[in-house]
Amino acid sequence: MTTDTEHSTDINLSTMRNQINSIDDQLIELWQERSRISKEVGKRRMASGGTRLVLAREREICDRFREALGEDGTQLALLLLRAGRGPL
């Protein structure tokens, strides 16, 4: 038999999982948008005679994510950078 407390907990967990799913959907959409924009920046930079990579910019992004999220932020930034420019 399920108690009222267990039923309430199940509903709260379900609500929180739905919130997580919604956030995940937003993150995926933002990831894809960021990747698309980053690829376009790279194309335009190279078309105007620039280099494929701007290491100072990549370092700036890694630093920003590390400051906000700690060491996991660095890993996230590296994944984002790779998605936008491809593997090195």
Protein backbone atom coordinates (compact mmCIF):
# COMPACT_ATOMS: atom_id res chain seq x y z
CA MET A 1 0.00 0.00 0.00
CA THR A 2 1.24 3.48 -0.87
CA THR A 3 1.10 6.16 1.78
CA ASP A 4 0.17 9.78 1.14
CA THR A 5 3.78 10.78 1.79
CA GLU A 6 5.11 8.29 -0.77
CA HIS A 7 2.53 9.42 -3.31
CA SER A 8 3.47 13.07 -2.72
CA THR A 9 7.16 12.23 -3.10
CA ASP A 10 6.46 10.41 -6.38
CA ILE A 11 4.59 13.45 -7.71
CA ASN A 12 7.38 15.81 -6.62
CA LEU A 13 10.01 13.58 -8.25
CA SER A 14 7.99 13.43 -11.43
CA THR A 15 7.64 17.22 -11.48
CA MET A 16 11.37 17.71 -10.90
CA ARG A 17 12.24 15.18 -13.62
CA ASN A 18 9.97 17.04 -16.03
CA GLN A 19 11.76 20.28 -15.12
CA ILE A 20 15.13 18.61 -15.77
CA ASN A 21 13.88 17.33 -19.13
CA SER A 22 12.76 20.84 -20.06
CA ILE A 23 16.14 22.29 -19.10
CA ASP A 24 17.91 19.55 -21.06
CA ASP A 25 15.81 20.40 -24.14
CA GLN A 26 16.86 24.05 -23.80
CA LEU A 27 20.52 23.10 -23.36
CA ILE A 28 20.43 20.92 -26.48
CA GLU A 29 18.83 23.71 -28.50
CA LEU A 30 21.38 26.25 -27.24
CA TRP A 31 24.27 23.83 -27.90
CA GLN A 32 23.14 23.41 -31.50
CA GLU A 33 22.67 27.15 -31.99
CA ARG A 34 26.08 27.92 -30.50
CA SER A 35 27.74 25.31 -32.70
CA ARG A 36 26.08 26.68 -35.83
CA ILE A 37 27.13 30.27 -35.03
CA SER A 38 30.67 29.20 -34.13
CA LYS A 39 31.07 27.34 -37.42
CA GLU A 40 29.87 30.42 -39.30
CA VAL A 41 32.36 32.62 -37.43
CA GLY A 42 35.14 30.23 -38.41
CA LYS A 43 34.09 30.23 -42.08
CA ARG A 44 33.99 34.01 -42.20
CA ARG A 45 37.30 34.36 -40.40
CA MET A 46 39.02 31.97 -42.80
CA ALA A 47 37.35 33.60 -45.85
CA SER A 48 38.88 36.91 -44.81
CA GLY A 49 42.36 35.37 -44.51
CA GLY A 50 42.30 34.57 -40.81
CA THR A 51 43.34 31.37 -39.11
CA ARG A 52 41.07 28.42 -38.37
CA LEU A 53 41.68 28.82 -34.63
CA VAL A 54 42.14 31.82 -32.42
CA LEU A 55 43.83 30.34 -29.38
CA ALA A 56 43.48 33.50 -27.30
CA ARG A 57 39.70 33.40 -27.84
CA GLU A 58 39.54 29.69 -26.93
CA ARG A 59 41.56 30.35 -23.78
CA GLU A 60 39.21 33.23 -22.88
CA ILE A 61 36.18 30.90 -23.23
CA CYS A 62 37.82 28.15 -21.14
CA ASP A 63 38.75 30.66 -18.44
CA ARG A 64 35.23 32.06 -18.35
CA PHE A 65 33.67 28.63 -17.93
CA ARG A 66 36.26 27.55 -15.34
CA GLU A 67 35.64 30.69 -13.27
CA ALA A 68 31.88 30.11 -13.34
CA LEU A 69 31.79 26.31 -12.97
CA GLY A 70 35.16 25.15 -11.68
CA GLU A 71 37.19 22.44 -13.39
CA ASP A 72 34.06 20.88 -14.89
CA GLY A 73 33.55 24.21 -16.64
CA THR A 74 36.84 23.77 -18.46
CA GLN A 75 35.73 20.38 -19.76
CA LEU A 76 32.38 21.80 -20.84
CA ALA A 77 34.09 24.68 -22.63
CA LEU A 78 36.38 22.28 -24.48
CA LEU A 79 33.37 20.25 -25.63
CA LEU A 80 31.60 23.39 -26.81
CA LEU A 81 34.68 24.55 -28.67
CA ARG A 82 35.07 21.19 -30.37
CA ALA A 83 31.41 21.18 -31.42
CA GLY A 84 31.90 24.57 -33.05
CA ARG A 85 35.18 23.96 -34.84
CA GLY A 86 35.58 20.20 -35.00
CA PRO A 87 38.46 18.16 -33.57
CA LEU A 88 41.97 19.56 -33.77
